[in-house]
Amino acid sequence: MTDASGKPVSGLQESDFTLLDNHQPQQIVSFQEVEGRTAKPPVHVIFMLDDLNNSFQDFAYQRRAVEKYLDQNLEFAER
């Protein structure tokens, strides 16, 4: 996570995040803060888009938003 100027934010805790599924809060099973881009072990992020109850247009918008994010962070993106 970065601040408004693009600098990494440190010191975040699990309680700083809310995981929602169908607008319902879910338990975060695992949380670990990582320091910067040289974190060990490497961090893997998986994006999952659920298009079951979305229109084609909504899903296409969501996919483009994820692609835009990944393009801005190419060194992390493996597609």
N, C-alpha and C. Protein backbone atom coordinates (compact mmCIF):
# COMPACT_ATOMS: atom_id res chain seq x y z
N MET A 1 0.85 -1.16 0.00
CA MET A 1 0.00 0.00 0.00
C MET A 1 0.90 1.23 0.00
N THR A 2 0.48 2.26 -0.72
CA THR A 2 1.26 3.49 -0.78
C THR A 2 0.41 4.67 -0.33
N ASP A 3 1.11 5.73 0.07
CA ASP A 3 0.40 6.94 0.46
C ASP A 3 0.11 7.79 -0.79
N ALA A 4 -0.42 8.97 -0.60
CA ALA A 4 -0.82 9.83 -1.72
C ALA A 4 0.36 10.21 -2.61
N SER A 5 1.57 10.23 -2.05
CA SER A 5 2.75 10.59 -2.85
C SER A 5 3.44 9.36 -3.45
N GLY A 6 2.86 8.16 -3.24
CA GLY A 6 3.41 6.95 -3.83
C GLY A 6 4.45 6.24 -2.98
N LYS A 7 4.67 6.71 -1.76
CA LYS A 7 5.64 6.08 -0.87
C LYS A 7 4.98 4.93 -0.12
N PRO A 8 5.71 3.81 0.08
CA PRO A 8 5.14 2.68 0.82
C PRO A 8 4.73 3.07 2.24
N VAL A 9 3.61 2.52 2.69
CA VAL A 9 3.12 2.75 4.05
C VAL A 9 3.55 1.55 4.88
N SER A 10 4.21 1.82 6.00
CA SER A 10 4.61 0.71 6.87
C SER A 10 3.80 0.74 8.16
N GLY A 11 3.90 -0.33 8.91
CA GLY A 11 3.23 -0.39 10.20
C GLY A 11 1.77 -0.75 10.15
N LEU A 12 1.26 -1.15 8.97
CA LEU A 12 -0.15 -1.54 8.89
C LEU A 12 -0.37 -2.86 9.60
N GLN A 13 -1.51 -3.00 10.22
CA GLN A 13 -1.87 -4.22 10.94
C GLN A 13 -3.07 -4.87 10.27
N GLU A 14 -3.32 -6.11 10.61
CA GLU A 14 -4.48 -6.83 10.08
C GLU A 14 -5.77 -6.05 10.33
N SER A 15 -5.85 -5.39 11.47
CA SER A 15 -7.06 -4.63 11.82
C SER A 15 -7.27 -3.40 10.94
N ASP A 16 -6.27 -3.03 10.11
CA ASP A 16 -6.41 -1.91 9.19
C ASP A 16 -7.13 -2.30 7.90
N PHE A 17 -7.46 -3.57 7.74
CA PHE A 17 -8.07 -4.07 6.51
C PHE A 17 -9.39 -4.76 6.81
N THR A 18 -10.28 -4.74 5.83
CA THR A 18 -11.54 -5.47 5.92
C THR A 18 -11.67 -6.30 4.65
N LEU A 19 -11.90 -7.58 4.81
CA LEU A 19 -12.11 -8.49 3.69
C LEU A 19 -13.61 -8.71 3.56
N LEU A 20 -14.15 -8.39 2.37
CA LEU A 20 -15.59 -8.52 2.15
C LEU A 20 -15.86 -9.56 1.07
N ASP A 21 -16.88 -10.36 1.29
CA ASP A 21 -17.38 -11.30 0.29
C ASP A 21 -18.88 -11.08 0.20
N ASN A 22 -19.34 -10.63 -0.97
CA ASN A 22 -20.76 -10.26 -1.13
C ASN A 22 -21.18 -9.25 -0.07
N HIS A 23 -20.31 -8.27 0.16
CA HIS A 23 -20.55 -7.18 1.11
C HIS A 23 -20.60 -7.65 2.56
N GLN A 24 -20.19 -8.90 2.83
CA GLN A 24 -20.19 -9.42 4.19
C GLN A 24 -18.75 -9.58 4.67
N PRO A 25 -18.42 -9.05 5.85
CA PRO A 25 -17.05 -9.18 6.37
C PRO A 25 -16.68 -10.66 6.57
N GLN A 26 -15.45 -10.97 6.19
CA GLN A 26 -14.92 -12.32 6.35
C GLN A 26 -13.65 -12.25 7.19
N GLN A 27 -13.31 -13.35 7.82
CA GLN A 27 -12.10 -13.41 8.64
C GLN A 27 -10.86 -13.43 7.73
N ILE A 28 -9.86 -12.66 8.09
CA ILE A 28 -8.57 -12.72 7.41
C ILE A 28 -7.80 -13.86 8.06
N VAL A 29 -7.48 -14.87 7.28
CA VAL A 29 -6.87 -16.08 7.83
C VAL A 29 -5.38 -15.87 8.10
N SER A 30 -4.72 -15.11 7.23
CA SER A 30 -3.29 -14.92 7.39
C SER A 30 -2.93 -13.49 6.99
N PHE A 31 -2.07 -12.86 7.78
CA PHE A 31 -1.63 -11.50 7.49
C PHE A 31 -0.18 -11.38 7.88
N GLN A 32 0.63 -10.79 6.96
CA GLN A 32 2.04 -10.58 7.26
C GLN A 32 2.50 -9.31 6.57
N GLU A 33 3.08 -8.39 7.33
CA GLU A 33 3.63 -7.18 6.73
C GLU A 33 4.94 -7.53 6.04
N VAL A 34 5.16 -6.93 4.87
CA VAL A 34 6.39 -7.16 4.11
C VAL A 34 7.05 -5.81 3.89
N GLU A 35 8.35 -5.78 3.98
CA GLU A 35 9.09 -4.53 3.80
C GLU A 35 9.55 -4.36 2.37
N GLY A 36 8.92 -3.46 1.65
CA GLY A 36 9.37 -3.06 0.32
C GLY A 36 9.41 -4.15 -0.73
N ARG A 37 10.07 -3.85 -1.84
CA ARG A 37 10.10 -4.75 -2.99
C ARG A 37 11.13 -5.86 -2.85
N THR A 38 11.98 -5.78 -1.85
CA THR A 38 13.01 -6.81 -1.67
C THR A 38 12.62 -7.79 -0.58
N ALA A 39 11.36 -7.87 -0.29
CA ALA A 39 10.87 -8.72 0.79
C ALA A 39 11.23 -10.17 0.55
N LYS A 40 11.60 -10.85 1.61
CA LYS A 40 11.87 -12.29 1.56
C LYS A 40 10.92 -12.94 2.54
N PRO A 41 10.23 -13.98 2.24
CA PRO A 41 10.14 -14.62 0.93
C PRO A 41 9.36 -13.73 -0.04
N PRO A 42 9.44 -14.05 -1.33
CA PRO A 42 8.71 -13.25 -2.31
C PRO A 42 7.21 -13.28 -2.02
N VAL A 43 6.56 -12.20 -2.34
CA VAL A 43 5.13 -12.09 -2.12
C VAL A 43 4.39 -12.47 -3.40
N HIS A 44 3.36 -13.27 -3.27
CA HIS A 44 2.53 -13.64 -4.41
C HIS A 44 1.12 -13.12 -4.16
N VAL A 45 0.59 -12.42 -5.13
CA VAL A 45 -0.76 -11.87 -5.02
C VAL A 45 -1.61 -12.51 -6.11
N ILE A 46 -2.77 -12.96 -5.73
CA ILE A 46 -3.69 -13.58 -6.68
C ILE A 46 -4.94 -12.72 -6.74
N PHE A 47 -5.29 -12.29 -7.95
CA PHE A 47 -6.54 -11.56 -8.15
C PHE A 47 -7.59 -12.54 -8.62
N MET A 48 -8.73 -12.50 -8.00
CA MET A 48 -9.83 -13.34 -8.43
C MET A 48 -11.02 -12.44 -8.71
N LEU A 49 -11.53 -12.51 -9.93
CA LEU A 49 -12.70 -11.74 -10.30
C LEU A 49 -13.88 -12.69 -10.47
N ASP A 50 -14.93 -12.45 -9.74
CA ASP A 50 -16.13 -13.28 -9.81
C ASP A 50 -17.13 -12.59 -10.72
N ASP A 51 -17.39 -13.18 -11.86
CA ASP A 51 -18.30 -12.55 -12.82
C ASP A 51 -19.70 -13.18 -12.81
N LEU A 52 -19.98 -14.04 -11.86
CA LEU A 52 -21.25 -14.77 -11.84
C LEU A 52 -22.45 -13.83 -11.84
N ASN A 53 -22.44 -12.82 -11.00
CA ASN A 53 -23.60 -11.93 -10.89
C ASN A 53 -23.32 -10.54 -11.43
N ASN A 54 -22.33 -10.43 -12.30
CA ASN A 54 -21.98 -9.14 -12.90
C ASN A 54 -22.32 -9.14 -14.38
N SER A 55 -22.58 -7.97 -14.89
CA SER A 55 -22.80 -7.86 -16.33
C SER A 55 -21.46 -7.98 -17.05
N PHE A 56 -21.51 -8.23 -18.34
CA PHE A 56 -20.29 -8.30 -19.14
C PHE A 56 -19.52 -6.99 -19.04
N GLN A 57 -20.23 -5.86 -19.08
CA GLN A 57 -19.59 -4.55 -19.02
C GLN A 57 -18.88 -4.34 -17.68
N ASP A 58 -19.52 -4.74 -16.57
CA ASP A 58 -18.90 -4.61 -15.26
C ASP A 58 -17.64 -5.46 -15.17
N PHE A 59 -17.74 -6.70 -15.65
CA PHE A 59 -16.58 -7.59 -15.59
C PHE A 59 -15.44 -7.05 -16.45
N ALA A 60 -15.75 -6.54 -17.64
CA ALA A 60 -14.73 -5.98 -18.53
C ALA A 60 -14.05 -4.79 -17.86
N TYR A 61 -14.82 -3.94 -17.17
CA TYR A 61 -14.25 -2.79 -16.46
C TYR A 61 -13.32 -3.26 -15.35
N GLN A 62 -13.75 -4.25 -14.58
CA GLN A 62 -12.93 -4.77 -13.48
C GLN A 62 -11.63 -5.36 -14.01
N ARG A 63 -11.74 -6.11 -15.10
CA ARG A 63 -10.54 -6.72 -15.68
C ARG A 63 -9.56 -5.64 -16.16
N ARG A 64 -10.08 -4.60 -16.82
CA ARG A 64 -9.20 -3.51 -17.28
C ARG A 64 -8.54 -2.81 -16.10
N ALA A 65 -9.25 -2.64 -15.01
CA ALA A 65 -8.69 -1.99 -13.82
C ALA A 65 -7.54 -2.83 -13.24
N VAL A 66 -7.72 -4.14 -13.19
CA VAL A 66 -6.65 -5.01 -12.70
C VAL A 66 -5.46 -4.98 -13.65
N GLU A 67 -5.71 -5.03 -14.95
CA GLU A 67 -4.62 -4.96 -15.93
C GLU A 67 -3.86 -3.65 -15.81
N LYS A 68 -4.57 -2.54 -15.61
CA LYS A 68 -3.92 -1.24 -15.45
C LYS A 68 -3.02 -1.25 -14.22
N TYR A 69 -3.53 -1.80 -13.13
CA TYR A 69 -2.73 -1.89 -11.90
C TYR A 69 -1.47 -2.72 -12.15
N LEU A 70 -1.63 -3.87 -12.79
CA LEU A 70 -0.47 -4.72 -13.05
C LEU A 70 0.52 -4.05 -14.00
N ASP A 71 0.04 -3.34 -14.99
CA ASP A 71 0.93 -2.63 -15.91
C ASP A 71 1.76 -1.58 -15.19
N GLN A 72 1.20 -0.97 -14.15
CA GLN A 72 1.93 0.03 -13.38
C GLN A 72 2.98 -0.61 -12.47
N ASN A 73 2.86 -1.91 -12.26
CA ASN A 73 3.76 -2.64 -11.37
C ASN A 73 4.33 -3.85 -12.10
N LEU A 74 4.85 -3.63 -13.31
CA LEU A 74 5.27 -4.72 -14.20
C LEU A 74 6.26 -5.68 -13.57
N GLU A 75 7.14 -5.19 -12.71
CA GLU A 75 8.13 -6.10 -12.15
C GLU A 75 7.49 -7.17 -11.28
N PHE A 76 6.26 -6.95 -10.84
CA PHE A 76 5.56 -7.94 -10.03
C PHE A 76 4.60 -8.80 -10.85
N ALA A 77 4.29 -8.37 -12.04
CA ALA A 77 3.22 -9.03 -12.80
C ALA A 77 3.74 -10.24 -13.56
N GLU A 78 3.10 -11.36 -13.33
CA GLU A 78 3.30 -12.55 -14.12
C GLU A 78 1.93 -12.99 -14.58
N ARG A 79 1.68 -12.89 -15.85
CA ARG A 79 0.33 -13.22 -16.35
C ARG A 79 0.38 -14.52 -17.11
